[in-house]
C-alpha cells in the first residue's frame, strides 16, 4: 500500500440526508412499537422482538455510521468505525454507477450477485470525488457500464 492515497472521501448518509433520516427514524420507531405489540404483548416472546430489531438495524447500519474511503495505487481501503475492509483492484471485473455511488463487480458484466460479492462505494453529499473516482476506476478496473 502506498503511503498517500490517490483519492479519499467520507460519506455519512444519516447526516447528509436529514429528511430521509427523519423519515427512516420515524419508520423504525413505528416498527419497534408494532413489533413490541405483536411479539411481547400478544405472543409474550421478547426474543422475537430483539431478534427482529437486531436484523433490521443490522441491515441499516451502514446508513447510520460514517464511512471513509481511500483509493491507493493497488487497493481500496474502506473504514466503518472500527472495521477496515481492504480490496485489491484485481478482484473486480467491471463497475457501474447510480445516483448514490459506484458498485464494483467481481464479474466481467454486471450481475445480481454484485450486492453480495462486489463492493459499493457511496458518494459524499457533494459528489466532489465522482469524476476523479470514475477516472481512477477506469484505469484500475477497466470496464464501465
Protein backbone atom coordinates (compact mmCIF):
# COMPACT_ATOMS: atom_id res chain seq x y z
CA UNK A 1 0.00 0.00 0.00
CA UNK A 2 1.43 3.38 -0.96
CA UNK A 3 1.62 5.99 1.79
CA UNK A 4 -0.52 8.63 0.06
CA UNK A 5 -3.99 7.77 -1.25
CA UNK A 6 -4.88 8.72 -4.81
CA UNK A 7 -8.33 9.76 -3.57
CA UNK A 8 -10.17 9.80 -0.25
CA UNK A 9 -13.61 10.94 0.92
CA UNK A 10 -16.14 10.39 3.67
CA UNK A 11 -19.82 9.51 3.42
CA UNK A 12 -22.38 9.60 6.24
CA UNK A 13 -25.97 9.34 4.93
CA UNK A 14 -27.57 9.94 8.33
CA UNK A 15 -26.13 13.47 8.45
CA UNK A 16 -26.01 14.17 4.70
CA UNK A 17 -29.70 13.39 4.08
CA UNK A 18 -31.64 14.82 7.06
CA UNK A 19 -35.14 14.50 5.56
CA UNK A 20 -34.66 10.86 4.67
CA UNK A 21 -33.07 10.22 8.06
CA UNK A 22 -36.05 11.70 9.93
CA UNK A 23 -38.45 9.54 7.90
CA UNK A 24 -36.32 6.46 8.47
CA UNK A 25 -36.10 7.01 12.22
CA UNK A 26 -39.87 7.63 12.39
CA UNK A 27 -40.47 4.38 10.50
CA UNK A 28 -38.08 2.48 12.79
CA UNK A 29 -39.88 3.82 15.87
CA UNK A 30 -43.22 2.74 14.40
CA UNK A 31 -41.78 -0.68 13.54
CA UNK A 32 -40.32 -1.07 17.03
CA UNK A 33 -43.68 -0.25 18.62
CA UNK A 34 -45.59 -2.56 16.26
CA UNK A 35 -43.16 -5.46 16.78
CA UNK A 36 -43.31 -4.93 20.55
CA UNK A 37 -47.10 -5.13 20.48
CA UNK A 38 -47.08 -8.36 18.49
CA UNK A 39 -44.11 -10.23 19.92
CA UNK A 40 -44.14 -9.15 23.57
CA UNK A 41 -47.69 -8.03 24.36
CA UNK A 42 -49.53 -10.72 22.36
CA UNK A 43 -47.11 -13.64 21.99
CA UNK A 44 -45.12 -12.97 25.16
CA UNK A 45 -41.93 -13.83 23.30
CA UNK A 46 -39.45 -10.94 23.72
CA UNK A 47 -36.67 -12.84 21.92
CA UNK A 48 -38.56 -12.43 18.63
CA UNK A 49 -38.66 -8.68 19.22
CA UNK A 50 -34.93 -8.44 19.94
CA UNK A 51 -34.04 -10.69 17.02
CA UNK A 52 -36.27 -8.77 14.61
CA UNK A 53 -34.96 -5.37 15.66
CA UNK A 54 -31.37 -6.66 15.55
CA UNK A 55 -31.84 -7.86 11.95
CA UNK A 56 -33.50 -4.62 10.82
CA UNK A 57 -30.96 -2.32 12.47
CA UNK A 58 -28.05 -4.54 11.42
CA UNK A 59 -29.02 -4.29 7.77
CA UNK A 60 -29.32 -0.49 8.05
CA UNK A 61 -26.09 0.00 9.99
CA UNK A 62 -24.03 1.43 7.08
CA UNK A 63 -26.59 4.24 6.81
CA UNK A 64 -26.06 5.27 10.44
CA UNK A 65 -22.25 5.20 10.67
CA UNK A 66 -19.67 7.32 8.81
CA UNK A 67 -17.69 5.54 6.11
CA UNK A 68 -14.28 6.69 4.90
CA UNK A 69 -12.91 5.53 1.54
CA UNK A 70 -9.25 5.53 0.45
CA UNK A 71 -8.13 4.60 -3.06
CA UNK A 72 -4.46 3.66 -3.18
CA UNK A 73 -2.30 2.55 -6.10
CA UNK A 74 -3.19 -1.17 -5.83
CA UNK A 75 -6.13 -1.39 -3.44
CA UNK A 76 -9.21 0.22 -1.93
CA UNK A 77 -9.44 0.61 1.84
CA UNK A 78 -12.81 1.27 3.49
CA UNK A 79 -13.24 2.19 7.16
CA UNK A 80 -16.53 1.74 9.01
CA UNK A 81 -15.97 2.99 12.58
CA UNK A 82 -13.80 0.11 13.84
CA UNK A 83 -13.98 -2.17 10.78
CA UNK A 84 -11.44 -2.00 7.96
CA UNK A 85 -12.04 -3.61 4.55
CA UNK A 86 -9.23 -3.88 2.00
CA UNK A 87 -9.91 -4.99 -1.58
CA UNK A 88 -7.49 -5.14 -4.50
CA UNK A 89 -8.49 -3.68 -7.87
CA UNK A 90 -7.68 -7.07 -9.44
CA UNK A 91 -10.67 -8.56 -7.55
CA UNK A 92 -13.09 -6.61 -9.74
CA UNK A 93 -14.07 -7.14 -13.37
CA UNK A 94 -16.21 -4.05 -14.01
CA UNK A 95 -18.00 -1.18 -12.32
CA UNK A 96 -21.15 0.86 -12.80
CA UNK A 97 -22.62 3.89 -11.12
CA UNK A 98 -26.00 5.12 -9.95
CA UNK A 99 -27.06 8.38 -8.31
CA UNK A 100 -25.75 7.34 -4.84
CA UNK A 101 -22.43 5.68 -5.67
CA UNK A 102 -20.47 3.14 -7.65
CA UNK A 103 -20.74 -0.64 -7.50
CA UNK A 104 -17.60 -2.64 -8.14
CA UNK A 105 -18.50 -6.04 -9.57
CA UNK A 106 -16.43 -9.20 -9.23
CA UNK A 107 -17.81 -10.30 -12.61
CA UNK A 108 -16.93 -9.09 -16.13
CA UNK A 109 -20.54 -7.92 -16.59
CA UNK A 110 -22.99 -6.51 -14.01
CA UNK A 111 -24.85 -9.29 -12.15
CA UNK A 112 -27.49 -9.55 -9.44
CA UNK A 113 -24.91 -11.04 -7.07
CA UNK A 114 -22.94 -7.78 -7.06
CA UNK A 115 -24.55 -6.60 -3.82
CA UNK A 116 -23.22 -9.74 -2.10
CA UNK A 117 -19.86 -10.29 -3.80
CA UNK A 118 -18.95 -6.82 -5.01
CA UNK A 119 -18.14 -3.60 -3.17
CA UNK A 120 -20.25 -0.47 -3.06
CA UNK A 121 -18.57 2.93 -2.93
CA UNK A 122 -21.07 5.55 -1.75
CA UNK A 123 -20.58 9.17 -2.84
CA UNK A 124 -20.42 12.03 -0.36
CA UNK A 125 -23.19 14.64 -0.32
CA UNK A 126 -21.35 16.99 -2.71
CA UNK A 127 -20.15 14.18 -5.00
CA UNK A 128 -16.92 16.13 -5.49
CA UNK A 129 -14.99 12.87 -5.78
CA UNK A 130 -17.18 11.38 -8.55
CA UNK A 131 -15.17 12.41 -11.64
CA UNK A 132 -11.80 11.52 -10.19
CA UNK A 133 -13.18 8.24 -8.81
CA UNK A 134 -14.53 7.19 -12.21
CA UNK A 135 -11.23 8.14 -13.85
CA UNK A 136 -9.18 6.09 -11.34
CA UNK A 137 -11.51 3.09 -11.59
CA UNK A 138 -11.41 3.25 -15.38
CA UNK A 139 -7.63 2.89 -15.22
CA UNK A 140 -7.53 0.27 -12.44
CA UNK A 141 -10.62 -1.88 -13.08
CA UNK A 142 -11.31 -1.23 -16.75
CA UNK A 143 -14.86 -1.89 -17.89
CA UNK A 144 -17.53 0.64 -17.01
CA UNK A 145 -21.23 0.05 -17.63
